[in-house]
Amino acid sequence: MNDAATVPGRLSDQVALITGGGTGIGAATARRLAAEGARVAVIGRRLKPLAQVAAAIGDRRSAMPVSADAASADEMAAVIEQVGASFGPVSILVANAGGEGGGTAAEVSNAAWRRSMRANLDTCLVTARACLPDLITTGGSAVVVSSLAGLAASPESVGYVTAKHALIGLTRSIARDFGPRGVRVNAVCPGWIRTPMADAEMDQLAALRGLPDREAAYQLATSQVPLRRPCSPDEVGDGRTISAEAAVHLPQVVPTKIIAVHLNHRSRVAEFGATLPPAPTYFQKPTSALVGHGGAVVRPANCQYLNYEGEIAIVIGRTCRNVAQADVGAYLAGYTVANDFGLHDFRDTDAGSMLRVKGSNTMAPLGPGLVTDWDFRGKGLRTYVNGTLVQDLSGTPANSRPVKPGDVVEVEADGLGLLRNHVAEGPLPVSVELGAQPSESEEVVSTALGGDWEFRGIRPPRR
């Protein structure tokens, strides 16, 4: 994470709208965006704290407090009109409004459930819906403030946990629908932050568990998070940045299956001295093989034939079957770059299933992003190892060769970007308790090194 130093003027052409802007994360975010030059509208139900935040930021040309219910469509429509008249169209949305949602599923009342959904989920949907026309016009961005409770359930918080999980789904849905129209949408999932609401919850926890004070409750609540402490609002809302190189990139899709085509380039067929079948043949990779851009591709300690294969991945976006070729385009979510790594040490022992060859963990890097309107015609596909060009074709080209720990493998496709991964040595060898061990048979060596072996097609390889 980089130093959180302010960069004055970086956001001088931006207009930010922040719900839940009177306290905590919302107020800290407003201060930071204004310090970077953005004009900021802070939205909430209580005008007094909003006015205090706006006054601390500066003059009326920089900050505007607006009292409104973020879950009310009529009130948010009026807010957008007021902000537009004073500052211009919204280009940054921070959907931060939220509230409590305690109790278990057995005890939560209908009224409490609805209050939680309205405070945490409805506010985000209604505000995003009101802002989207501006965000499309400006090519803007939206940040949805979810919670660690949106990733894992905390006890006795059924309304809050459900709503925060739903916020992540809402974020994905908006990103899927409006990303192609130039709107960036992301969610952040803070842990415990020292806010008035969190303080009140810690006081309740201290009383419930017989703890001496609020600090002891915070210590208990954060005992299993990496920092082992609560954060301040400024640590979430201060605009800290992380470089693309330092970021952890997740695969942009989590599919139900990964289907690949055998030998789908003539140069690879010629390299093997093989004959193309009359129709394509396929194999499958498990989703556990996925790894994102920048991630490590792990070669087990007692293996040596880990080969790259730069390829294109087509992402199916809708459930379908028996689709006519002419209708395929309607089912595509987009395209991305892939590297079909193979652990050929198991090429003979796992013949047929290809399970460990193609399905071992990290054998399916995808990235860096998903492109929806890519035209494959006339595009190039290149693979590099440590900066040296090793493949320059499409499909599964020839010259797939082993790489070793420490190597950096990059696959670049025109219009799709560059997927970069590094090879890492696994901490353990393949256990003898898991069956056949890596080998150096004729089949393994000839496949890994791209050569024909003398009796291919005449007799089985020696093992």
Protein backbone atom coordinates (compact mmCIF):
# COMPACT_ATOMS: atom_id res chain seq x y z
CA MET A 1 0.00 0.00 0.00
CA ASN A 2 1.34 3.40 -0.91
CA ASP A 3 1.67 6.43 1.31
CA ALA A 4 -1.69 8.15 1.65
CA ALA A 5 -0.31 11.59 0.84
CA THR A 6 -2.84 13.96 -0.66
CA VAL A 7 -2.46 14.88 -4.32
CA PRO A 8 -4.15 18.30 -4.65
CA GLY A 9 -6.01 18.77 -7.91
CA ARG A 10 -6.02 15.09 -8.90
CA LEU A 11 -9.84 15.06 -8.81
CA SER A 12 -10.45 18.70 -9.74
CA ASP A 13 -12.84 17.77 -12.55
CA GLN A 14 -14.85 15.27 -10.48
CA VAL A 15 -18.16 15.51 -8.61
CA ALA A 16 -18.61 13.01 -5.79
CA LEU A 17 -21.84 11.97 -4.07
CA ILE A 18 -21.45 10.14 -0.76
CA THR A 19 -24.33 8.59 1.15
CA GLY A 20 -23.96 8.15 4.87
CA GLY A 21 -21.63 11.13 4.61
CA GLY A 22 -22.12 12.68 8.03
CA THR A 23 -19.98 10.35 10.15
CA GLY A 24 -17.42 7.54 10.04
CA ILE A 25 -16.26 6.19 6.69
CA GLY A 26 -18.51 8.52 4.71
CA ALA A 27 -17.17 11.67 6.39
CA ALA A 28 -13.55 10.51 6.02
CA THR A 29 -14.11 9.74 2.35
CA ALA A 30 -15.67 13.17 1.79
CA ARG A 31 -12.69 14.89 3.40
CA ARG A 32 -10.21 12.97 1.30
CA LEU A 33 -11.98 13.44 -2.04
CA ALA A 34 -12.36 17.16 -1.35
CA ALA A 35 -8.66 17.41 -0.46
CA GLU A 36 -7.89 15.93 -3.88
CA GLY A 37 -9.98 18.61 -5.56
CA ALA A 38 -13.38 16.97 -6.03
CA ARG A 39 -16.60 18.82 -5.35
CA VAL A 40 -18.42 16.75 -2.76
CA ALA A 41 -22.09 16.28 -1.87
CA VAL A 42 -22.60 14.51 1.46
CA ILE A 43 -25.99 12.86 1.87
CA GLY A 44 -27.71 11.62 5.01
CA ARG A 45 -30.84 11.91 7.08
CA ARG A 46 -29.39 14.21 9.77
CA LEU A 47 -28.42 17.65 8.50
CA LYS A 48 -26.31 18.71 11.49
CA PRO A 49 -23.42 16.22 11.07
CA LEU A 50 -23.55 16.69 7.29
CA ALA A 51 -23.20 20.46 7.72
CA GLN A 52 -20.28 19.96 10.08
CA VAL A 53 -18.47 17.78 7.53
CA ALA A 54 -19.14 20.27 4.73
CA ALA A 55 -18.01 23.22 6.89
CA ALA A 56 -14.77 21.46 7.76
CA ILE A 57 -14.07 20.88 4.07
CA GLY A 58 -14.37 24.49 3.02
CA ASP A 59 -16.61 26.86 1.11
CA ARG A 60 -19.89 26.03 -0.58
CA ARG A 61 -18.13 25.65 -3.90
CA SER A 62 -16.35 22.54 -2.54
CA ALA A 63 -18.89 20.76 -0.36
CA MET A 64 -22.66 20.56 -0.14
CA PRO A 65 -24.65 18.94 2.70
CA VAL A 66 -27.99 17.50 1.57
CA SER A 67 -30.46 15.95 3.98
CA ALA A 68 -32.26 13.10 2.22
CA ASP A 69 -33.29 9.49 2.64
CA ALA A 70 -31.05 7.50 0.30
CA ALA A 71 -33.69 4.76 0.06
CA SER A 72 -36.31 7.17 -1.29
CA ALA A 73 -36.43 7.37 -5.08
CA ASP A 74 -38.17 10.76 -5.04
CA GLU A 75 -35.72 12.29 -2.59
CA MET A 76 -32.67 10.96 -4.44
CA ALA A 77 -34.01 12.28 -7.73
CA ALA A 78 -34.23 15.70 -6.11
CA VAL A 79 -30.69 15.31 -4.75
CA ILE A 80 -29.32 14.56 -8.22
CA GLU A 81 -31.08 17.63 -9.60
CA GLN A 82 -29.73 19.84 -6.79
CA VAL A 83 -26.16 18.52 -7.09
CA GLY A 84 -26.26 18.83 -10.86
CA ALA A 85 -27.38 22.45 -10.68
CA SER A 86 -24.59 23.38 -8.26
CA PHE A 87 -21.67 21.13 -9.19
CA GLY A 88 -22.53 19.34 -12.43
CA PRO A 89 -23.14 15.63 -13.17
CA VAL A 90 -22.02 13.05 -10.62
CA SER A 91 -18.85 11.18 -11.66
CA ILE A 92 -18.08 9.41 -8.35
CA LEU A 93 -20.63 7.59 -6.22
CA VAL A 94 -19.73 6.22 -2.79
CA ALA A 95 -22.70 4.16 -1.58
CA ASN A 96 -21.84 4.10 2.10
CA ALA A 97 -25.21 4.35 3.88
CA GLY A 98 -25.90 1.42 6.18
CA GLY A 99 -27.28 0.35 9.46
CA GLU A 100 -27.66 -2.41 11.99
CA GLY A 101 -29.30 -5.76 11.53
CA GLY A 102 -28.86 -7.81 14.68
CA GLY A 103 -30.51 -10.98 15.86
CA THR A 104 -30.78 -14.53 14.59
CA ALA A 105 -33.13 -15.80 11.88
CA ALA A 106 -35.35 -17.26 14.62
CA GLU A 107 -35.84 -14.01 16.49
CA VAL A 108 -35.62 -11.14 13.98
CA SER A 109 -38.96 -9.40 13.48
CA ASN A 110 -40.36 -8.52 10.08
CA ALA A 111 -39.99 -4.84 10.88
CA ALA A 112 -36.34 -5.20 11.96
CA TRP A 113 -35.57 -7.25 8.84
CA ARG A 114 -37.05 -4.61 6.58
CA ARG A 115 -35.19 -1.82 8.40
CA SER A 116 -31.90 -3.63 7.80
CA MET A 117 -32.63 -4.27 4.13
CA ARG A 118 -33.72 -0.66 3.63
CA ALA A 119 -30.73 0.86 5.42
CA ASN A 120 -28.06 -1.34 3.84
CA LEU A 121 -29.41 -2.56 0.50
CA ASP A 122 -32.24 -0.31 -0.67
CA THR A 123 -30.13 2.80 -0.12
CA CYS A 124 -27.47 1.46 -2.49
CA LEU A 125 -29.87 0.39 -5.23
CA VAL A 126 -31.93 3.58 -5.15
CA THR A 127 -28.88 5.86 -5.07
CA ALA A 128 -27.09 3.93 -7.82
CA ARG A 129 -30.20 4.01 -9.99
CA ALA A 130 -30.45 7.77 -9.55
CA CYS A 131 -26.75 8.33 -10.32
CA LEU A 132 -26.30 5.93 -13.25
CA PRO A 133 -27.36 8.36 -16.00
CA ASP A 134 -24.68 10.79 -14.78
CA LEU A 135 -22.09 8.02 -14.33
CA ILE A 136 -22.67 6.80 -17.88
CA THR A 137 -22.30 10.33 -19.24
CA THR A 138 -19.12 11.03 -17.28
CA GLY A 139 -17.57 7.55 -17.56
CA GLY A 140 -17.59 7.59 -13.79
CA SER A 141 -17.12 5.11 -10.99
CA ALA A 142 -19.11 3.74 -8.08
CA VAL A 143 -17.79 2.30 -4.84
CA VAL A 144 -20.17 0.21 -2.76
CA VAL A 145 -19.23 -0.08 0.93
CA SER A 146 -20.08 -3.62 2.02
CA SER A 147 -18.35 -5.32 4.95
CA LEU A 148 -16.40 -8.37 6.02
CA ALA A 149 -19.88 -9.53 6.99
CA GLY A 150 -20.56 -9.63 3.25
CA LEU A 151 -17.88 -12.31 2.89
CA ALA A 152 -18.43 -14.38 6.03
CA ALA A 153 -21.24 -14.53 8.55
CA SER A 154 -20.83 -12.97 11.95
CA PRO A 155 -23.04 -14.36 14.73
CA GLU A 156 -26.46 -13.01 15.61
CA SER A 157 -26.49 -10.47 12.76
CA VAL A 158 -28.82 -12.07 10.25
CA GLY A 159 -30.14 -8.83 8.74
CA TYR A 160 -26.75 -7.15 8.48
CA VAL A 161 -24.96 -10.24 7.12
CA THR A 162 -27.67 -10.88 4.53
CA ALA A 163 -27.76 -7.28 3.36
CA LYS A 164 -23.97 -6.99 3.11
CA HIS A 165 -23.77 -10.22 1.10
CA ALA A 166 -26.50 -8.86 -1.15
CA LEU A 167 -24.52 -5.65 -1.69
CA ILE A 168 -21.70 -7.66 -3.25
CA GLY A 169 -24.20 -9.32 -5.59
CA LEU A 170 -25.68 -5.93 -6.44
CA THR A 171 -22.19 -4.59 -7.18
CA ARG A 172 -21.50 -7.48 -9.53
CA SER A 173 -24.81 -7.01 -11.28
CA ILE A 174 -24.31 -3.28 -11.85
CA ALA A 175 -20.74 -3.87 -13.03
CA ARG A 176 -21.90 -6.57 -15.44
CA ASP A 177 -24.63 -4.39 -16.93
CA PHE A 178 -22.89 -1.01 -16.98
CA GLY A 179 -19.19 -1.85 -17.25
CA PRO A 180 -19.58 -2.10 -21.04
CA ARG A 181 -20.98 1.45 -20.93
CA GLY A 182 -17.89 2.81 -19.22
CA VAL A 183 -18.94 2.75 -15.55
CA ARG A 184 -16.47 1.19 -13.09
CA VAL A 185 -18.19 -0.46 -10.12
CA ASN A 186 -16.40 -2.02 -7.16
CA ALA A 187 -17.15 -3.02 -3.59
CA VAL A 188 -14.95 -2.66 -0.51
CA CYS A 189 -15.39 -4.84 2.56
CA PRO A 190 -14.03 -3.11 5.68
CA GLY A 191 -13.72 -4.90 8.99
CA TRP A 192 -14.41 -3.23 12.32
CA ILE A 193 -14.09 0.55 12.03
CA ARG A 194 -14.31 2.94 14.99
CA THR A 195 -17.59 4.68 14.24
CA PRO A 196 -20.42 5.69 16.59
CA MET A 197 -22.43 2.68 15.43
CA ALA A 198 -19.51 0.29 16.01
CA ASP A 199 -18.81 1.84 19.42
CA ALA A 200 -22.41 1.21 20.44
CA GLU A 201 -22.15 -2.41 19.28
CA MET A 202 -18.91 -2.86 21.24
CA ASP A 203 -20.61 -1.52 24.36
CA GLN A 204 -23.35 -4.11 23.88
CA LEU A 205 -20.78 -6.85 23.33
CA ALA A 206 -18.89 -5.87 26.46
CA ALA A 207 -22.07 -6.05 28.51
CA LEU A 208 -23.07 -9.38 26.96
CA ARG A 209 -19.68 -11.04 27.55
CA GLY A 210 -18.89 -9.41 30.88
CA LEU A 211 -15.89 -7.56 29.47
CA PRO A 212 -14.44 -4.60 31.35
CA ASP A 213 -14.88 -1.96 28.66
CA ARG A 214 -15.31 -1.07 24.99
CA GLU A 215 -11.63 -1.59 24.20
CA ALA A 216 -11.76 -5.15 25.48
CA ALA A 217 -14.76 -5.76 23.20
CA TYR A 218 -12.90 -4.37 20.19
CA GLN A 219 -9.94 -6.61 21.06
CA LEU A 220 -12.21 -9.66 21.12
CA ALA A 221 -14.02 -8.72 17.91
CA THR A 222 -10.78 -8.18 15.97
CA SER A 223 -8.79 -11.09 17.37
CA GLN A 224 -9.07 -13.05 14.11
CA VAL A 225 -8.45 -10.27 11.57
CA PRO A 226 -4.94 -9.63 10.20
CA LEU A 227 -4.41 -6.24 11.89
CA ARG A 228 -5.73 -7.51 15.25
CA ARG A 229 -7.30 -4.10 15.86
CA PRO A 230 -10.12 -1.90 14.57
CA CYS A 231 -9.31 0.71 11.93
CA SER A 232 -10.12 4.39 11.99
CA PRO A 233 -12.48 5.84 9.36
CA ASP A 234 -9.56 7.70 7.82
CA GLU A 235 -7.78 4.42 7.11
CA VAL A 236 -10.70 3.37 4.92
CA GLY A 237 -11.67 6.70 3.41
CA ASP A 238 -8.34 8.46 3.03
CA GLY A 239 -7.80 7.56 -0.60
CA ARG A 240 -4.89 5.21 -0.05
CA THR A 241 -3.87 3.71 -3.35
CA ILE A 242 -2.23 0.49 -4.42
CA SER A 243 -0.38 0.02 -7.66
CA ALA A 244 -1.60 -2.44 -10.27
CA GLU A 245 1.63 -4.37 -9.79
CA ALA A 246 1.09 -4.74 -6.04
CA ALA A 247 -2.62 -5.53 -6.23
CA VAL A 248 -3.95 -9.06 -5.89
CA HIS A 249 -5.92 -9.70 -9.08
CA LEU A 250 -8.74 -12.22 -8.89
CA PRO A 251 -9.92 -14.17 -11.94
CA GLN A 252 -12.60 -11.98 -13.49
CA VAL A 253 -15.04 -14.88 -13.70
CA VAL A 254 -15.71 -17.97 -11.60
CA PRO A 255 -17.20 -20.38 -14.14
CA THR A 256 -18.95 -23.65 -13.46
CA LYS A 257 -16.55 -25.43 -15.79
CA ILE A 258 -13.56 -24.76 -18.05
CA ILE A 259 -13.62 -26.54 -21.40
CA ALA A 260 -10.55 -26.63 -23.64
CA VAL A 261 -9.91 -27.92 -27.16
CA HIS A 262 -7.11 -30.37 -27.95
CA LEU A 263 -4.57 -29.41 -30.64
CA ASN A 264 -6.43 -26.42 -32.06
CA HIS A 265 -3.51 -25.09 -34.11
CA ARG A 266 -1.91 -26.72 -37.12
CA SER A 267 1.62 -25.85 -36.07
CA ARG A 268 1.13 -27.80 -32.83
CA VAL A 269 -0.22 -30.78 -34.79
CA ALA A 270 2.79 -30.69 -37.09
CA GLU A 271 5.18 -30.42 -34.15
CA PHE A 272 3.77 -33.63 -32.67
CA GLY A 273 3.65 -35.46 -35.99
CA ALA A 274 -0.01 -36.10 -35.28
CA THR A 275 -3.15 -36.20 -37.44
CA LEU A 276 -6.14 -33.98 -36.74
CA PRO A 277 -9.32 -35.89 -35.85
CA PRO A 278 -12.39 -35.30 -38.03
CA ALA A 279 -14.00 -33.23 -35.24
CA PRO A 280 -12.58 -31.32 -32.24
CA THR A 281 -11.86 -33.20 -29.03
CA TYR A 282 -12.02 -31.62 -25.61
CA PHE A 283 -10.74 -31.78 -22.06
CA GLN A 284 -11.84 -30.04 -18.87
CA LYS A 285 -10.05 -28.04 -16.19
CA PRO A 286 -11.55 -27.71 -12.69
CA THR A 287 -12.26 -24.24 -11.37
CA SER A 288 -9.72 -24.88 -8.61
CA ALA A 289 -7.06 -24.43 -11.32
CA LEU A 290 -7.94 -20.73 -11.71
CA VAL A 291 -5.45 -18.00 -10.83
CA GLY A 292 -5.56 -14.32 -11.72
CA HIS A 293 -3.21 -11.89 -13.42
CA GLY A 294 -0.01 -11.55 -11.41
CA GLY A 295 -0.58 -14.76 -9.47
CA ALA A 296 1.85 -17.61 -8.99
CA VAL A 297 1.71 -20.76 -11.09
CA VAL A 298 2.98 -23.47 -8.75
CA ARG A 299 5.20 -26.33 -9.92
CA PRO A 300 5.33 -29.15 -7.34
CA ALA A 301 8.77 -29.72 -5.88
CA ASN A 302 9.43 -33.02 -7.67
CA CYS A 303 8.14 -31.97 -11.10
CA GLN A 304 10.07 -30.42 -13.99
CA TYR A 305 7.87 -30.34 -17.10
CA LEU A 306 5.53 -27.36 -16.56
CA ASN A 307 4.63 -25.95 -19.99
CA TYR A 308 2.88 -22.72 -21.01
CA GLU A 309 0.31 -22.41 -23.81
CA GLY A 310 -0.89 -18.88 -24.55
CA GLU A 311 -4.54 -18.89 -25.60
CA ILE A 312 -7.80 -16.94 -25.74
CA ALA A 313 -10.67 -17.75 -23.37
CA ILE A 314 -14.27 -17.24 -24.42
CA VAL A 315 -16.56 -16.60 -21.44
CA ILE A 316 -20.12 -17.90 -21.68
CA GLY A 317 -22.41 -15.53 -19.83
CA ARG A 318 -25.73 -17.39 -19.85
CA THR A 319 -26.86 -20.92 -19.17
CA CYS A 320 -27.34 -22.61 -22.51
CA ARG A 321 -27.23 -25.88 -24.44
CA ASN A 322 -27.76 -26.98 -28.04
CA VAL A 323 -27.20 -23.43 -29.28
CA ALA A 324 -27.10 -22.94 -33.04
CA GLN A 325 -23.84 -21.53 -34.36
CA ALA A 326 -25.60 -18.43 -35.63
CA ASP A 327 -26.94 -17.67 -32.12
CA VAL A 328 -23.72 -18.16 -30.14
CA GLY A 329 -22.96 -14.43 -29.85
CA ALA A 330 -26.06 -13.82 -27.74
CA TYR A 331 -24.66 -16.08 -25.02
CA LEU A 332 -21.14 -14.65 -24.77
CA ALA A 333 -20.13 -12.52 -21.79
CA GLY A 334 -16.81 -11.60 -23.36
CA TYR A 335 -13.21 -12.60 -23.99
CA THR A 336 -10.03 -12.70 -21.96
CA VAL A 337 -6.46 -13.96 -22.15
CA ALA A 338 -5.64 -17.44 -20.84
CA ASN A 339 -2.55 -19.54 -20.28
CA ASP A 340 -3.32 -23.24 -20.51
CA PHE A 341 -0.47 -24.53 -18.35
CA GLY A 342 0.20 -28.26 -18.36
CA LEU A 343 2.14 -30.31 -15.84
CA HIS A 344 3.41 -32.90 -18.31
CA ASP A 345 5.21 -34.97 -15.68
CA PHE A 346 1.88 -36.80 -15.42
CA ARG A 347 1.22 -37.04 -19.15
CA ASP A 348 1.45 -40.82 -19.21
CA THR A 349 0.18 -41.70 -15.73
CA ASP A 350 -2.91 -39.51 -16.13
CA ALA A 351 -3.40 -40.31 -19.82
CA GLY A 352 -7.01 -39.91 -20.85
CA SER A 353 -8.22 -37.90 -17.85
CA MET A 354 -5.43 -35.26 -18.02
CA LEU A 355 -6.49 -34.53 -14.43
CA ARG A 356 -3.17 -33.48 -12.95
CA VAL A 357 -1.66 -32.48 -16.28
CA LYS A 358 -4.19 -29.73 -16.91
CA GLY A 359 -6.17 -29.58 -13.67
CA SER A 360 -3.59 -29.09 -10.94
CA ASN A 361 -3.95 -25.95 -8.84
CA THR A 362 -2.99 -22.71 -10.67
CA MET A 363 -2.88 -24.34 -14.12
CA ALA A 364 -5.52 -21.94 -15.51
CA PRO A 365 -4.46 -18.26 -15.31
CA LEU A 366 -7.02 -15.77 -16.68
CA GLY A 367 -6.79 -12.00 -17.09
CA PRO A 368 -6.21 -9.17 -16.94
CA GLY A 369 -9.84 -8.20 -17.68
CA LEU A 370 -13.00 -9.16 -19.54
CA VAL A 371 -13.63 -7.47 -22.92
CA THR A 372 -17.18 -7.64 -24.23
CA ASP A 373 -16.90 -6.38 -27.80
CA TRP A 374 -13.65 -7.95 -29.00
CA ASP A 375 -13.33 -8.98 -32.66
CA PHE A 376 -10.80 -11.81 -33.04
CA ARG A 377 -10.21 -11.19 -36.74
CA GLY A 378 -6.76 -9.86 -37.52
CA LYS A 379 -5.62 -9.99 -33.89
CA GLY A 380 -2.27 -11.30 -32.71
CA LEU A 381 -1.48 -13.56 -29.75
CA ARG A 382 2.01 -13.68 -28.28
CA THR A 383 3.66 -15.49 -25.38
CA TYR A 384 6.84 -14.32 -23.66
CA VAL A 385 9.11 -16.00 -21.12
CA ASN A 386 11.29 -13.57 -19.18
CA GLY A 387 10.70 -10.99 -21.89
CA THR A 388 11.66 -13.25 -24.81
CA LEU A 389 9.01 -13.97 -27.46
CA VAL A 390 8.38 -17.73 -27.59
CA GLN A 391 4.98 -17.99 -29.33
CA ASP A 392 3.43 -15.72 -31.93
CA LEU A 393 0.25 -17.33 -33.21
CA SER A 394 -3.36 -18.03 -32.25
CA GLY A 395 -4.95 -21.18 -30.90
CA THR A 396 -2.53 -23.63 -29.30
CA PRO A 397 0.65 -22.76 -31.20
CA ALA A 398 3.85 -24.73 -31.38
CA ASN A 399 6.85 -24.13 -29.13
CA SER A 400 5.15 -24.83 -25.80
CA ARG A 401 8.13 -25.56 -23.57
CA PRO A 402 8.83 -26.10 -19.86
CA VAL A 403 9.38 -23.18 -17.53
CA LYS A 404 10.96 -23.22 -14.09
CA PRO A 405 10.50 -21.45 -10.76
CA GLY A 406 11.44 -17.80 -11.06
CA ASP A 407 10.37 -17.50 -14.70
CA VAL A 408 7.83 -14.85 -15.69
CA VAL A 409 5.37 -15.88 -18.39
CA GLU A 410 3.29 -13.30 -20.24
CA VAL A 411 0.53 -13.80 -22.79
CA GLU A 412 -0.57 -10.79 -24.79
CA ALA A 413 -3.54 -10.54 -27.14
CA ASP A 414 -4.29 -7.48 -29.26
CA GLY A 415 -7.26 -5.71 -27.73
CA LEU A 416 -7.43 -7.94 -24.64
CA GLY A 417 -4.33 -6.92 -22.73
CA LEU A 418 -1.43 -8.77 -21.17
CA LEU A 419 -1.68 -11.64 -18.66
CA ARG A 420 1.41 -12.01 -16.49
CA ASN A 421 2.22 -14.83 -14.07
CA HIS A 422 5.34 -16.06 -12.34
CA VAL A 423 6.34 -19.65 -11.71
CA ALA A 424 6.88 -20.66 -8.10
CA GLU A 425 8.30 -23.81 -6.55
CA GLY A 426 5.73 -25.74 -4.55
CA PRO A 427 6.65 -26.32 -0.90
CA LEU A 428 6.10 -30.08 -1.10
CA PRO A 429 6.59 -32.86 -3.64
CA VAL A 430 3.66 -34.89 -4.94
CA SER A 431 2.86 -37.36 -2.19
CA VAL A 432 3.37 -41.06 -2.90
CA GLU A 433 0.08 -41.60 -1.09
CA LEU A 434 -1.75 -39.86 -3.94
CA GLY A 435 -0.88 -42.44 -6.57
CA ALA A 436 1.44 -42.34 -9.58
CA GLN A 437 4.50 -40.12 -9.32
CA PRO A 438 5.96 -37.74 -11.92
CA SER A 439 7.89 -39.54 -14.65
CA GLU A 440 10.24 -38.93 -17.56
CA SER A 441 8.78 -41.43 -20.01
CA GLU A 442 8.94 -41.04 -23.77
CA GLU A 443 5.42 -39.60 -23.73
CA VAL A 444 6.26 -37.04 -21.05
CA VAL A 445 9.50 -35.84 -22.60
CA SER A 446 8.25 -35.72 -26.20
CA THR A 447 5.11 -33.78 -25.19
CA ALA A 448 6.95 -31.34 -22.95
CA LEU A 449 9.75 -30.67 -25.42
CA GLY A 450 7.57 -30.65 -28.51
CA GLY A 451 9.22 -33.51 -30.38
CA ASP A 452 7.98 -36.70 -31.94
CA TRP A 453 9.10 -39.97 -30.43
CA GLU A 454 10.02 -42.73 -32.77
CA PHE A 455 7.08 -45.07 -32.31
CA ARG A 456 4.23 -42.62 -31.76
CA GLY A 457 1.07 -44.25 -33.02
CA ILE A 458 2.79 -47.63 -33.40
CA ARG A 459 3.19 -48.73 -29.78
CA PRO A 460 2.48 -47.27 -26.35
CA PRO A 461 5.30 -45.17 -24.92
CA ARG A 462 7.73 -46.77 -22.51
CA ARG A 463 7.10 -45.73 -18.91
